[in-house]
Protein backbone atom coordinates (compact mmCIF):
# COMPACT_ATOMS: atom_id res chain seq x y z
CA MET A 1 55.03 90.51 154.20
CA ALA A 2 57.64 91.68 157.29
CA SER A 3 58.33 87.16 159.08
CA PRO A 4 56.83 87.02 162.43
CA ARG A 5 58.86 88.16 165.21
CA ASN A 6 58.99 84.77 166.87
CA ALA A 7 59.86 83.40 162.91
CA PRO A 8 62.30 80.76 163.71
CA ARG A 9 65.79 81.26 162.08
CA PRO A 10 67.29 77.78 160.98
CA GLY A 11 70.07 79.93 159.89
CA ARG A 12 71.48 81.26 162.30
CA THR A 13 71.06 78.51 164.49
CA LEU A 14 73.01 76.74 162.32
CA LEU A 15 75.86 79.13 161.93
CA ALA A 16 76.16 79.45 166.17
CA LEU A 17 76.52 75.80 166.10
CA PHE A 18 79.10 75.80 163.58
CA ALA A 19 80.30 78.90 165.64
CA VAL A 20 81.01 76.16 168.99
CA LEU A 21 82.52 73.64 166.33
CA VAL A 22 85.01 76.17 165.46
CA VAL A 23 85.80 77.10 169.46
CA LEU A 24 86.03 73.57 170.21
CA SER A 25 88.24 72.50 167.71
CA GLY A 26 90.24 75.81 168.56
CA LEU A 27 90.15 74.97 172.16
CA ALA A 28 91.48 71.04 170.77
CA VAL A 29 94.73 72.92 169.42
CA TRP A 30 95.05 75.81 172.18
CA GLN A 31 95.78 72.68 174.13
CA GLY A 32 98.02 71.01 172.15
CA ARG A 33 96.79 67.70 172.04
CA THR A 34 94.74 66.27 168.58
CA THR A 35 94.24 62.79 169.50
CA PRO A 36 92.02 61.38 172.83
CA LYS A 37 93.94 59.83 175.59
CA LEU A 38 93.65 56.42 176.12
CA GLY A 39 92.94 54.36 178.78
CA LEU A 40 95.14 51.69 181.04
CA ASP A 41 93.72 48.97 178.35
CA LEU A 42 94.58 50.95 175.56
CA ALA A 43 98.37 52.29 176.63
CA GLY A 44 99.49 51.02 179.81
CA GLY A 45 100.54 53.02 182.30
CA THR A 46 101.94 52.64 185.68
CA THR A 47 101.81 49.69 188.46
CA VAL A 48 103.09 50.49 191.86
CA THR A 49 102.93 48.29 195.00
CA LEU A 50 102.11 50.52 198.23
CA THR A 51 102.93 48.64 201.43
CA ALA A 52 101.71 49.69 204.69
CA LYS A 53 104.49 50.94 207.81
CA THR A 54 104.05 49.18 211.04
CA PRO A 55 105.17 49.28 214.88
CA GLY A 56 107.53 45.95 214.84
CA GLY A 57 106.23 45.26 211.04
CA LYS A 58 102.84 43.65 211.82
CA ASN A 59 99.84 43.05 209.36
CA PRO A 60 98.09 46.21 209.55
CA PRO A 61 94.03 46.63 210.77
CA ALA A 62 91.50 45.00 207.42
CA GLU A 63 89.61 48.34 208.14
CA GLN A 64 92.52 50.83 208.35
CA MET A 65 93.24 48.83 204.74
CA ASP A 66 90.12 49.37 203.33
CA GLN A 67 90.15 52.98 204.57
CA ALA A 68 92.98 53.71 202.85
CA VAL A 69 91.87 51.82 199.61
CA LYS A 70 88.96 53.69 200.06
CA ILE A 71 90.68 57.38 200.52
CA MET A 72 93.05 56.43 197.28
CA THR A 73 90.14 56.41 195.04
CA GLN A 74 88.76 59.46 195.94
CA ARG A 75 91.75 61.63 195.15
CA VAL A 76 92.61 59.54 192.35
CA ASN A 77 89.49 60.48 190.78
CA GLY A 78 90.01 63.72 191.80
CA LEU A 79 93.06 64.14 189.53
CA GLY A 80 90.78 63.48 186.93
CA VAL A 81 92.20 60.24 186.05
CA SER A 82 89.71 58.09 184.24
CA ASP A 83 89.94 54.18 184.95
CA ALA A 84 92.62 54.19 187.52
CA GLU A 85 92.90 51.43 189.55
CA VAL A 86 93.47 50.89 193.51
CA ALA A 87 92.93 47.26 194.92
CA LYS A 88 93.99 46.03 198.31
CA GLN A 89 96.82 42.69 197.63
CA GLY A 90 97.51 40.35 200.68
CA SER A 91 97.34 42.23 204.45
CA ASN A 92 99.31 44.84 203.93
CA ASN A 93 99.84 45.88 199.92
CA ILE A 94 97.58 48.24 197.96
CA VAL A 95 98.07 48.32 194.03
CA VAL A 96 97.54 51.48 192.16
CA ASN A 97 97.46 51.57 188.15
CA VAL A 98 97.50 55.04 186.04
CA PRO A 99 96.93 55.67 182.67
CA GLY A 100 99.70 57.30 180.65
CA GLU A 101 103.98 56.45 181.41
CA GLY A 102 105.68 58.76 183.91
CA GLN A 103 103.14 58.97 186.30
CA GLY A 104 105.31 58.79 189.15
CA ARG A 105 104.20 62.48 190.49
CA VAL A 106 100.20 61.47 190.26
CA VAL A 107 101.45 57.65 192.39
CA SER A 108 103.15 59.83 195.28
CA LEU A 109 100.32 61.81 195.30
CA ILE A 110 98.18 59.57 196.24
CA GLY A 111 100.43 57.44 198.81
CA THR A 112 101.11 60.23 200.94
CA THR A 113 99.66 60.39 204.06
CA ALA A 114 98.77 63.94 203.98
CA LYS A 115 98.58 64.08 207.64
CA LEU A 116 97.75 67.72 208.91
CA GLN A 117 98.80 70.03 212.45
CA PHE A 118 98.75 73.00 213.09
CA ARG A 119 100.69 73.12 216.34
CA GLN A 120 101.92 76.47 218.26
CA VAL A 121 105.87 77.19 217.60
CA PHE A 122 108.35 77.15 220.67
CA ALA A 123 111.55 77.71 219.54
CA SER A 124 113.32 77.95 215.54
CA ALA A 125 116.65 77.71 214.57
CA ASP A 126 119.04 77.15 211.80
CA GLY A 127 118.88 73.32 210.43
CA ARG A 128 121.84 71.82 211.41
CA SER A 129 122.94 70.56 214.60
CA ALA A 130 124.21 72.98 218.18
CA THR A 131 127.53 71.06 217.09
CA ALA A 132 128.01 71.83 213.51
CA ALA A 133 129.74 74.37 212.05
CA ALA A 134 126.71 76.70 211.07
CA PRO A 135 126.99 80.13 208.81
CA SER A 136 125.94 83.58 210.98
CA PRO A 137 122.58 83.90 209.90
CA SER A 138 121.57 86.76 207.12
CA PRO A 139 118.14 88.14 206.40
CA SER A 140 118.28 85.35 203.68
CA ALA A 141 119.13 82.81 206.23
CA THR A 142 115.96 84.24 208.71
CA LYS A 143 112.86 82.75 207.82
CA LYS A 144 109.92 81.59 207.29
CA GLY A 145 110.23 83.70 203.82
CA GLY A 146 111.86 85.11 200.79
CA THR A 147 110.85 85.31 197.72
CA GLY A 148 114.30 83.54 196.38
CA GLY A 149 114.79 80.02 194.60
CA GLY A 150 113.03 77.40 196.61
CA LYS A 151 113.05 73.88 194.95
CA SER A 152 111.05 72.94 191.60
CA PRO A 153 107.55 72.14 193.13
CA SER A 154 106.79 68.80 194.87
CA PRO A 155 104.64 66.64 196.82
CA SER A 156 106.84 68.62 199.91
CA ALA A 157 107.65 71.96 197.91
CA SER A 158 107.75 75.08 200.80
CA ALA A 159 104.71 76.70 201.37
CA SER A 160 103.86 80.34 203.55
CA ALA A 161 100.33 80.07 205.00
CA SER A 162 98.03 83.51 204.94
CA ALA A 163 93.84 83.61 206.76
CA SER A 164 92.01 86.14 207.50
CA PRO A 165 88.37 86.08 209.28
CA SER A 166 86.44 86.82 205.93
CA GLY A 167 88.89 84.24 204.32
CA GLY A 168 90.80 86.88 202.60
CA ALA A 169 93.92 89.02 203.27
CA SER A 170 94.24 93.15 203.35
CA PRO A 171 97.93 93.39 202.33
CA SER A 172 99.93 96.00 204.71
CA GLU A 173 102.58 97.62 203.95
CA SER A 174 105.33 95.67 205.72
CA ALA A 175 107.38 93.79 203.40
CA THR A 176 108.20 90.11 204.79
CA PRO A 177 110.85 87.89 203.65
CA ARG A 178 107.07 85.81 201.78
CA GLY A 179 105.28 87.76 200.44
CA ARG A 180 103.39 90.78 202.79
CA ALA A 181 102.34 90.89 205.84
CA LEU A 182 98.96 90.34 206.26
CA SER A 183 96.53 92.21 208.20
CA GLY A 184 94.55 89.66 211.14
CA ALA A 185 96.48 87.29 209.61
CA LEU A 186 98.65 84.51 209.30
CA THR A 187 101.70 86.01 208.47
CA ALA A 188 105.75 85.60 207.82
CA PRO A 189 108.36 87.29 210.69
CA THR A 190 109.52 90.29 209.47
CA PRO A 191 113.46 90.78 209.65
CA THR A 192 114.93 93.46 211.90
CA PRO A 193 115.55 96.77 210.26
CA SER A 194 119.42 96.32 210.08
CA GLY A 195 118.95 93.02 207.97
CA ALA A 196 121.07 91.48 209.90
CA ALA A 197 121.18 89.48 212.72
CA SER A 198 122.60 90.64 216.54
CA PRO A 199 125.95 89.90 217.27
CA SER A 200 125.57 87.07 219.84
CA ALA A 201 123.40 84.86 216.26
CA SER A 202 126.91 82.04 216.07
CA PRO A 203 127.18 78.65 215.09
CA SER A 204 127.33 77.69 218.76
CA SER A 205 124.55 79.71 219.17
CA PRO A 206 122.03 78.70 217.10
CA LEU A 207 118.95 79.21 218.11
CA ILE A 208 117.43 82.31 215.81
CA GLN A 209 114.07 83.67 216.90
CA PRO A 210 111.25 84.61 214.22
CA SER A 211 111.97 88.75 214.32
CA GLY A 212 115.80 87.29 212.81
CA GLN A 213 117.50 88.13 216.58
CA ALA A 214 119.21 84.79 218.61
CA THR A 215 117.63 84.34 221.77
CA ALA A 216 119.71 83.47 225.08
CA PRO A 217 121.59 80.69 225.04
CA ALA A 218 120.51 77.28 223.45
CA GLN A 219 119.87 75.91 226.99
CA ASP A 220 117.26 77.78 227.65
CA TYR A 221 113.27 77.26 225.87
CA PRO A 222 110.35 78.70 227.47
CA GLY A 223 107.27 77.01 227.87
CA VAL A 224 109.09 74.00 226.79
CA THR A 225 109.10 71.28 229.26
CA ASP A 226 110.07 67.89 227.07
CA LYS A 227 114.19 67.70 228.10
CA ALA A 228 113.93 64.41 225.60
CA VAL A 229 112.55 66.87 222.49
CA ILE A 230 115.48 69.22 223.31
CA LYS A 231 117.87 66.94 223.48
CA GLN A 232 116.76 65.85 220.18
CA PHE A 233 115.77 69.42 218.23
CA GLU A 234 119.86 70.42 219.42
CA ALA A 235 121.37 67.74 217.73
CA LEU A 236 118.91 67.43 214.43
CA ASP A 237 120.48 67.96 211.67
CA CYS A 238 117.97 68.81 209.05
CA TYR A 239 120.73 69.18 205.56
CA SER A 240 121.72 65.26 205.60
CA GLY A 241 118.50 62.12 204.82
CA ASP A 242 115.86 62.71 205.50
CA ARG A 243 114.34 66.32 207.25
CA ARG A 244 111.59 64.31 208.88
CA ALA A 245 112.28 64.04 212.73
CA ALA A 246 111.25 61.07 215.16
CA GLY A 247 107.52 61.45 216.17
CA ALA A 248 107.20 64.35 214.55
CA ASN A 249 104.08 63.32 213.16
CA ASP A 250 102.67 61.56 216.17
CA PRO A 251 99.61 63.84 217.50
CA SER A 252 99.43 62.57 220.77
CA ARG A 253 103.05 63.74 221.88
CA GLN A 254 103.71 67.53 223.55
CA PHE A 255 106.25 68.34 222.18
CA VAL A 256 107.96 67.33 218.90
CA ALA A 257 111.00 68.69 216.59
CA ALA A 258 110.49 69.07 213.78
CA CYS A 259 112.35 70.42 209.76
CA ASP A 260 111.19 72.63 206.99
CA GLN A 261 109.56 70.44 203.59
CA ASP A 262 112.79 72.46 201.39
CA GLU A 263 115.61 74.53 201.88
CA GLU A 264 115.09 78.34 200.32
CA ASN A 265 117.49 80.35 199.98
CA GLY A 266 120.20 77.69 201.18
CA GLN A 267 118.33 78.11 204.88
CA VAL A 268 116.72 75.25 206.05
CA THR A 269 115.56 76.10 209.98
CA LYS A 270 114.52 73.70 212.27
CA TYR A 271 111.80 74.32 215.03
CA ILE A 272 110.06 73.05 218.34
CA LEU A 273 107.00 72.56 218.53
CA GLY A 274 103.95 72.40 221.10
CA PRO A 275 100.56 70.20 221.61
CA VAL A 276 97.94 69.73 218.42
CA ARG A 277 95.84 72.74 218.74
CA VAL A 278 93.32 71.72 215.53
CA LEU A 279 94.34 68.32 213.24
CA GLY A 280 93.03 67.81 209.34
CA GLU A 281 90.56 65.85 210.08
CA ASN A 282 88.76 69.23 211.25
CA VAL A 283 89.23 70.45 207.77
CA ASP A 284 86.04 70.88 205.75
CA GLU A 285 87.18 71.85 202.66
CA ALA A 286 90.44 72.20 200.89
CA ASN A 287 90.51 74.38 197.11
CA ALA A 288 93.16 75.56 194.82
CA MET A 289 93.07 79.48 194.27
CA PRO A 290 94.19 81.55 191.73
CA PRO A 291 96.36 84.52 192.61
CA ASN A 292 94.16 87.87 193.69
CA ALA A 293 96.71 91.35 193.03
CA GLN A 294 93.53 93.10 195.75
CA GLN A 295 94.67 91.68 198.10
CA GLY A 296 98.56 91.14 197.89
CA GLN A 297 98.47 87.27 196.46
CA ALA A 298 100.84 87.00 193.79
CA SER A 299 100.93 82.75 194.09
CA TRP A 300 98.42 80.12 194.29
CA SER A 301 97.12 78.84 197.37
CA VAL A 302 94.93 76.00 199.24
CA SER A 303 91.85 77.56 200.64
CA LEU A 304 91.09 76.11 203.86
CA LYS A 305 87.49 75.72 205.55
CA PHE A 306 87.70 73.95 208.98
CA ASP A 307 84.31 72.56 210.67
CA GLY A 308 82.47 74.45 213.44
CA LYS A 309 85.40 72.66 216.07
CA GLY A 310 88.14 73.05 214.18
CA GLY A 311 86.99 76.68 213.74
CA ARG A 312 87.33 76.98 217.87
CA GLN A 313 90.40 75.06 217.65
CA PHE A 314 91.86 77.68 214.94
CA GLY A 315 90.85 81.40 216.37
CA ALA A 316 92.33 79.67 220.01
CA VAL A 317 95.77 79.10 218.69
CA THR A 318 95.69 82.30 216.94
CA THR A 319 94.05 83.51 220.00
CA ASP A 320 97.34 82.68 222.05
CA ALA A 321 99.97 83.15 219.97
CA SER A 322 99.07 87.50 219.06
CA ARG A 323 98.70 87.29 222.75
CA ALA A 324 102.07 85.99 222.58
CA TYR A 325 103.55 88.94 219.87
CA GLN A 326 101.55 91.77 221.35
CA GLN A 327 104.05 90.24 224.95
CA ASP A 328 106.87 89.86 223.03
CA PRO A 329 107.31 90.49 219.21
CA SER A 330 110.04 88.27 218.85
CA SER A 331 108.59 85.24 220.45
CA ALA A 332 108.71 82.27 218.46
CA GLN A 333 105.13 81.64 220.23
CA ALA A 334 103.89 84.27 218.02
CA GLN A 335 104.16 81.57 215.32
CA VAL A 336 101.50 79.36 214.61
CA ALA A 337 103.26 76.13 212.48
CA ILE A 338 101.52 74.37 209.51
CA VAL A 339 102.74 70.86 209.84
CA LEU A 340 102.16 68.38 206.96
CA ASP A 341 103.39 65.06 207.13
CA GLY A 342 105.78 65.54 210.21
CA GLN A 343 107.74 68.67 208.15
CA VAL A 344 106.73 71.72 208.76
CA VAL A 345 104.98 73.03 205.86
CA SER A 346 104.79 77.18 206.88
CA ALA A 347 105.02 79.52 210.46
CA PRO A 348 103.99 82.39 210.15
CA ALA A 349 103.76 84.78 212.61
CA ILE A 350 100.05 85.96 214.15
CA ARG A 351 100.08 89.77 214.31
CA GLU A 352 96.92 91.09 214.74
CA GLY A 353 94.26 89.83 216.55
CA PRO A 354 93.21 85.75 216.76
CA ILE A 355 90.84 84.33 213.11
CA THR A 356 88.06 82.98 214.17
CA GLY A 357 86.06 82.69 210.84
CA GLY A 358 87.14 79.20 210.28
CA THR A 359 89.15 79.24 207.77
CA ALA A 360 93.10 79.76 206.84
CA SER A 361 95.14 80.02 202.65
CA ILE A 362 98.48 78.07 202.69
CA ASP A 363 100.51 79.68 200.08
CA GLY A 364 103.49 80.99 199.19
CA PRO A 365 106.51 82.02 196.95
CA PRO A 366 104.92 82.06 193.68
CA GLU A 367 108.24 80.07 191.90
CA SER A 368 107.49 76.58 194.15
CA PHE A 369 103.60 77.28 195.28
CA ASN A 370 102.39 77.23 191.60
CA GLN A 371 99.49 75.79 190.29
CA GLN A 372 100.17 72.37 189.92
CA TYR A 373 101.54 72.16 193.51
CA ALA A 374 98.47 73.87 194.85
CA THR A 375 95.60 71.99 192.57
CA ASP A 376 97.57 68.66 194.26
CA LEU A 377 97.74 69.45 197.82
CA ALA A 378 94.11 70.69 198.03
CA ASN A 379 93.52 67.68 196.08
CA VAL A 380 95.75 65.09 199.15
CA LEU A 381 93.85 67.98 202.08
CA LYS A 382 90.39 67.23 200.65
CA TYR A 383 89.53 63.85 201.10
CA GLY A 384 91.56 64.00 204.39
CA ALA A 385 94.90 61.26 205.61
CA LEU A 386 95.42 57.96 205.12
CA PRO A 387 94.76 56.14 208.04
CA LEU A 388 98.07 54.19 207.90
CA GLU A 389 101.55 54.92 205.84
CA PHE A 390 102.77 53.57 203.49
CA THR A 391 106.42 53.02 201.42
CA GLN A 392 106.35 51.92 197.83
CA SER A 393 107.95 48.50 197.07
CA SER A 394 107.65 48.71 193.38
CA ILE A 395 107.37 50.58 190.77
CA ASP A 396 106.77 50.24 187.06
CA GLU A 397 105.57 50.76 183.42
CA VAL A 398 103.16 48.71 181.61
CA SER A 399 102.62 47.63 178.76
CA SER A 400 98.82 47.74 177.45
CA THR A 401 96.59 44.67 178.82
CA LEU A 402 94.65 44.35 175.32
CA GLY A 403 96.89 45.52 172.45
CA SER A 404 96.00 47.19 169.21
CA ASP A 405 93.83 43.66 167.95
CA GLN A 406 91.20 44.83 170.04
CA LEU A 407 90.86 47.89 169.75
CA THR A 408 90.18 47.38 166.26
CA GLY A 409 88.06 45.11 167.16
CA GLY A 410 86.39 47.74 168.74
CA LEU A 411 87.01 50.26 165.90
CA ILE A 412 85.77 48.04 162.77
CA ALA A 413 82.78 46.79 165.34
CA GLY A 414 81.26 50.68 165.35
CA ALA A 415 82.44 51.39 161.60
CA ILE A 416 79.34 47.96 161.05
CA GLY A 417 76.79 50.16 163.11
CA LEU A 418 77.72 53.65 161.75
CA GLY A 419 77.34 52.10 157.93
CA LEU A 420 74.02 49.42 158.85
CA VAL A 421 72.65 52.95 160.01
CA VAL A 422 73.80 54.89 157.27
CA LEU A 423 72.64 52.54 154.76
CA TYR A 424 69.05 51.95 156.70
CA CYS A 425 68.82 55.67 156.74
CA LEU A 426 69.49 56.15 153.42
CA PHE A 427 66.32 53.32 151.89
CA TYR A 428 63.48 54.24 153.78
CA TYR A 429 63.86 57.99 154.51
CA ARG A 430 65.85 58.75 150.46
CA GLY A 431 66.36 62.06 149.99
CA LEU A 432 65.60 62.98 154.00
CA GLY A 433 67.72 59.92 154.59
CA LEU A 434 71.39 62.42 154.45
CA VAL A 435 69.73 64.84 156.60
CA ALA A 436 69.93 61.89 158.97
CA VAL A 437 73.57 61.07 158.62
CA SER A 438 74.77 64.53 158.32
CA SER A 439 73.82 64.80 161.81
CA LEU A 440 75.90 61.58 163.01
CA VAL A 441 79.18 63.30 161.23
CA VAL A 442 78.17 66.81 163.48
CA ALA A 443 77.53 64.40 166.42
CA SER A 444 80.51 62.35 165.71
CA ALA A 445 82.65 65.29 165.62
CA ILE A 446 81.56 66.80 168.59
CA THR A 447 81.97 63.64 170.57
CA TYR A 448 85.67 62.94 169.17
CA LEU A 449 86.30 67.41 170.33
CA SER A 450 85.07 67.04 173.11
CA VAL A 451 87.16 63.42 174.12
CA VAL A 452 90.24 65.57 172.85
CA ILE A 453 89.26 68.57 175.09
CA LEU A 454 88.30 66.12 178.19
CA GLY A 455 92.00 64.37 178.26
CA GLU A 456 93.28 67.49 178.65
CA GLY A 457 91.00 68.97 180.98
CA MET A 458 90.41 67.03 183.36
CA GLY A 459 92.67 63.18 182.40
CA PHE A 460 89.41 62.03 180.65
CA ARG A 461 91.46 58.76 178.91
CA LEU A 462 89.35 56.44 176.25
CA SER A 463 89.37 52.82 177.12
CA LEU A 464 86.68 49.92 175.33
CA PRO A 465 84.17 50.19 177.54
CA HIS A 466 83.54 54.06 176.92
CA ILE A 467 84.18 52.81 173.48
CA ILE A 468 81.63 50.66 173.58
CA GLY A 469 79.31 53.57 174.93
CA LEU A 470 80.20 55.81 172.28
CA ILE A 471 78.85 52.51 169.45
CA VAL A 472 75.45 52.24 171.25
CA SER A 473 74.88 55.61 171.63
CA ILE A 474 74.94 55.72 167.38
CA GLY A 475 71.57 53.55 168.07
CA ILE A 476 70.20 56.24 170.16
CA THR A 477 71.29 59.31 168.07
CA ALA A 478 69.63 57.91 165.32
CA ASP A 479 66.58 57.39 167.68
CA SER A 480 65.78 60.71 167.52
CA PHE A 481 66.01 61.30 164.37
CA ILE A 482 63.13 58.86 163.57
CA VAL A 483 60.97 60.14 165.65
CA TYR A 484 60.87 64.00 164.37
CA PHE A 485 60.71 62.09 160.64
CA GLU A 486 58.11 59.81 161.51
CA ARG A 487 55.99 62.75 163.30
CA LEU A 488 56.63 64.88 159.96
CA ARG A 489 55.18 62.04 157.36
CA ASP A 490 51.93 61.71 160.14
CA GLU A 491 51.75 65.36 159.17
CA LEU A 492 52.40 64.81 155.16
CA ARG A 493 50.15 61.61 155.12
CA ALA A 494 47.22 63.92 156.73
CA GLY A 495 47.86 66.51 153.42
CA ARG A 496 49.50 69.04 155.04
CA LYS A 497 51.47 71.55 153.75
CA LEU A 498 55.31 70.58 154.23
CA ARG A 499 56.28 73.69 155.72
CA SER A 500 54.29 74.30 158.30
CA SER A 501 54.72 70.25 158.62
CA VAL A 502 58.20 70.94 160.10
CA GLU A 503 56.43 72.77 162.77
CA ASN A 504 53.99 71.65 163.81
CA ALA A 505 56.07 67.59 163.46
CA TRP A 506 58.86 69.50 165.81
CA LYS A 507 56.33 70.21 168.74
CA ARG A 508 54.99 67.01 168.70
CA ALA A 509 58.70 64.84 168.40
CA ARG A 510 60.50 67.43 170.64
CA ARG A 511 59.11 65.85 173.89
CA THR A 512 59.45 62.63 172.95
CA ILE A 513 62.89 62.96 172.13
CA LEU A 514 64.01 64.57 175.24
CA VAL A 515 61.99 62.16 177.62
CA ALA A 516 63.50 59.35 175.18
CA ASP A 517 66.83 61.70 176.12
CA ALA A 518 66.23 62.11 179.93
CA VAL A 519 65.30 58.32 180.66
CA THR A 520 68.54 57.02 178.88
CA PHE A 521 70.97 60.06 180.90
CA LEU A 522 69.11 59.29 184.54
CA ALA A 523 70.01 56.27 183.52
CA ALA A 524 74.12 56.12 182.91
CA LEU A 525 74.08 59.05 185.69
CA VAL A 526 73.27 56.18 188.29
CA LEU A 527 74.65 53.78 186.58
CA TYR A 528 78.12 56.19 187.02
CA PHE A 529 77.91 56.92 190.45
CA LEU A 530 77.11 53.77 191.86
CA ALA A 531 79.52 51.73 188.94
CA VAL A 532 83.13 51.61 189.47
CA GLY A 533 85.72 50.75 186.88
CA GLY A 534 84.53 49.71 183.22
CA VAL A 535 81.20 50.52 183.80
CA ALA A 536 81.20 53.99 185.23
CA GLY A 537 83.23 55.08 182.15
CA PHE A 538 81.20 53.39 180.05
CA ALA A 539 77.70 55.65 181.32
CA PHE A 540 79.98 58.12 181.19
CA ALA A 541 80.30 57.79 177.01
CA MET A 542 77.07 57.05 176.92
CA GLY A 543 75.44 60.77 178.85
CA LEU A 544 78.20 62.44 177.57
CA THR A 545 76.42 61.06 173.80
CA THR A 546 73.12 61.38 175.11
CA LEU A 547 73.79 64.88 176.09
CA ILE A 548 75.78 66.42 172.55
CA ASP A 549 72.44 64.28 170.84
CA VAL A 550 70.16 67.24 171.41
CA ILE A 551 72.73 69.83 170.93
CA VAL A 552 72.60 68.08 167.61
CA VAL A 553 68.54 67.46 167.29
CA PHE A 554 67.54 70.75 168.61
CA PHE A 555 70.73 72.87 167.05
CA PHE A 556 71.50 70.94 163.71
CA THR A 557 68.75 68.42 162.73
CA LYS A 558 65.19 70.31 162.95
CA PRO A 559 66.85 73.54 161.23
CA LEU A 560 68.21 71.51 158.72
CA VAL A 561 64.84 70.20 158.20
CA ALA A 562 63.36 73.24 158.10
CA LEU A 563 66.07 74.99 155.27
CA LEU A 564 65.09 72.19 153.15
CA SER A 565 62.12 72.60 153.64
CA ARG A 566 61.96 75.61 151.23
CA THR A 567 64.06 74.17 148.61
CA LYS A 568 61.76 72.87 144.87
CA PHE A 569 63.64 69.27 145.90
CA PHE A 570 62.32 68.78 148.90
CA GLY A 571 59.43 71.27 149.05
CA ARG A 572 57.53 69.82 145.63
CA GLY A 573 57.44 66.38 147.61
CA HIS A 574 60.58 64.85 144.74
CA PRO A 575 60.12 61.41 144.74
CA MET A 576 64.16 60.89 145.70
CA SER A 577 63.43 62.99 148.86
CA GLY A 578 61.29 60.50 150.81
CA LEU A 579 59.29 63.78 151.17
CA ASP A 580 56.54 62.29 148.61
CA PRO A 581 52.71 63.10 149.76
CA ARG A 582 51.48 60.73 147.45
CA ARG A 583 53.29 58.18 148.49
CA LEU A 584 53.15 58.89 151.62
CA HIS A 585 49.48 58.95 151.24
CA ARG A 586 49.24 55.71 149.38
CA ALA A 587 51.31 53.82 152.02
CA ALA A 588 48.47 55.57 154.50
CA GLN A 589 46.08 53.97 151.78
CA ASN A 590 47.74 50.74 152.14
CA SER A 591 47.90 50.37 155.61
CA ALA A 592 44.47 51.53 156.30
CA ALA A 593 42.99 49.03 154.03
CA THR A 594 45.16 46.21 155.07
CA ALA A 595 43.59 47.29 158.76
CA ALA A 596 40.47 46.82 158.16
CA LYS A 597 40.97 43.73 156.00
CA THR A 598 42.34 42.17 159.18
CA SER A 599 39.49 43.71 161.69
CA GLN A 600 36.60 42.36 159.35
CA GLU A 601 38.45 38.70 159.14
CA ALA A 602 38.57 38.70 163.32
C-alpha cells in the first residue's frame, strides 16, 4: 500500500541534517581554521592607551570623554571583535583592550576621529611648496585619479568618489585617470587629450587645474579671500611629515589648505578648499559595497546616505560645482572634495548636473580600495566622528588574564556536567537514552562548527562567559529530549502502539519544547542587548545553543526515534529499550495505587 503524501520521512530529514553538517565542516576548512578563536581572558590581546588632545593640554569635558567611549565601543563591536573592552582612565585617557595579538590596525580604526566634510575646491597644485623644485606635471601626475599603484590599504589609503541621484553610477565613455567618468555623478577630472600639461606649468608655477592644465600665475586664486590660507597653501609641502595641514580639520574655517591622503604614481596633490558644505554628522548610513561591473565599478566602495538636511546641502554644493564646470571645464571649483580627518580622500568633478538623491559613494582603485579598507571606512563613518582627537600614548601585547588553569577547570566542569546527563539518560531511559546521547553529540558538533565559523566570519571569540553559557545549555538541550520521551512513554502507558505513539507524542511535545526554548531565547536576547562584556557573551552563547537545540530536536531526535520505532528491539518493547509497555503499565498502576492510598489516608 502506498504511503500517504504527508507521511513523515525520517530518513530524508536525517540525511538533510548530515548534509548541513558536511557543509558546515567544509566551510570551516575553507576558511582555513578548525579551532575556535579565544577571547581576551583566555588568549590575551592588545592594550592601547589613547590620550585626548586639547588646546593648552587642559582636561577635556567629561561628557565628551563619555561620548568618545560610547562611539569607540560601537566601532569595536561593529568590527565584529567579541568582548573587547573600552574604558575611561583618569580625565583624559581611554584604554582599549582588544582580543588577539597584532590588533594595531583595529585599534587605530577605533581611535580615528573620522570627521567627514564635503568642501568645494578652489585651487589645486602639486603637493610641494612653491619654493621647492618640482618636476613638470605629467598625465599620471595630474590628479585626482589614476589606476596605478599606491600605498597598501590603510585607514589613510587614497580613494575617489562617485554618486548618482539613484545611489548608483552609470559609466560614460570618457576614461579618467581613476576609473571612469560617471554620468550625473561625482567624477575624477579628465586629462587633456594630448596627455601633457601645458608649457606654462612649471616648478615655479605649481598650480595645476583639474583638467591637467596650469592656471594663471600662482598669486591669482579666484574666489579665495583668505590671504593667510593662500600663503599657507603655497608654503605647504605634502611630501614631508604629517600631511594634515594646520586647521584643515576645523569646520568653522571658511578656507583651508589640505593634502591628499596618499601618494599615487609618486604624486601628491594639495588643495585650497572652500567652506564646509556637508558634515559627516549628516550621514545616516555608511555601508561597504562590492564591485559592480554593470555600473563600471571595479573596486569596493562605501555607500553614503544623507539625512534630509545633508541631502539638501549635498545637492546645493553639487549644483554650484556643476555650474562652475558648465562655465569653465578647467575650473577648480567644478570639484567637490571629500575630506576625512583633515586630508582629502578624493576631489572629483561634477560634470552632468547636481546630485539631489541624497546619496554618494566613495570608491577608489582596486589596488588600494579593497574589501578590508571599504569595510573599515564604512564602520568608522557609520557611528559618527569622535568629539575629541586622540593620540596613542602606549600600545602593548598582553597575556591572558585567566590562564590555562581556569580554561582547563571550565572544560572539566563541562565534561562532568555532560557525563552526569549521559549517565542519567542511560540509567533512566536505557536504550532510548542512546538517542539522547547521540542528540547531545550532534548538538555539540553543530555548536563547535558554529563557533569556529563565527570566529572567522564575525570575529567571535570564545571567552570564559561563553564557555559557561555553553555548559548551562547542556541542561536546556537535555530538557527538550526528556519532554519528548515522557510524552512518548505516556502514550505507551495508555496502551497505544509504538509507531502511532511516536507521532502523537511529538504533536504534544513540540509545542512545549518550542515555548520553553522561546522563553530561554527571549531572555538571552534581552540580556544580550541590555548587558555588556562577559554577561553579553554569556547571553550570546545561551541564545546560540537554544537555536541549535530546536534544530537538533526537530531534525535529529524525533526522526531518529521514528526510525528506531520500526526496529524489532524498540518496536516490540524490549525490556532494555526503555519503551517496554508492560513495565511502563506496571509503573503507572503502582503510581495510581500509591496516589489512591495517599488520598484515602488524607
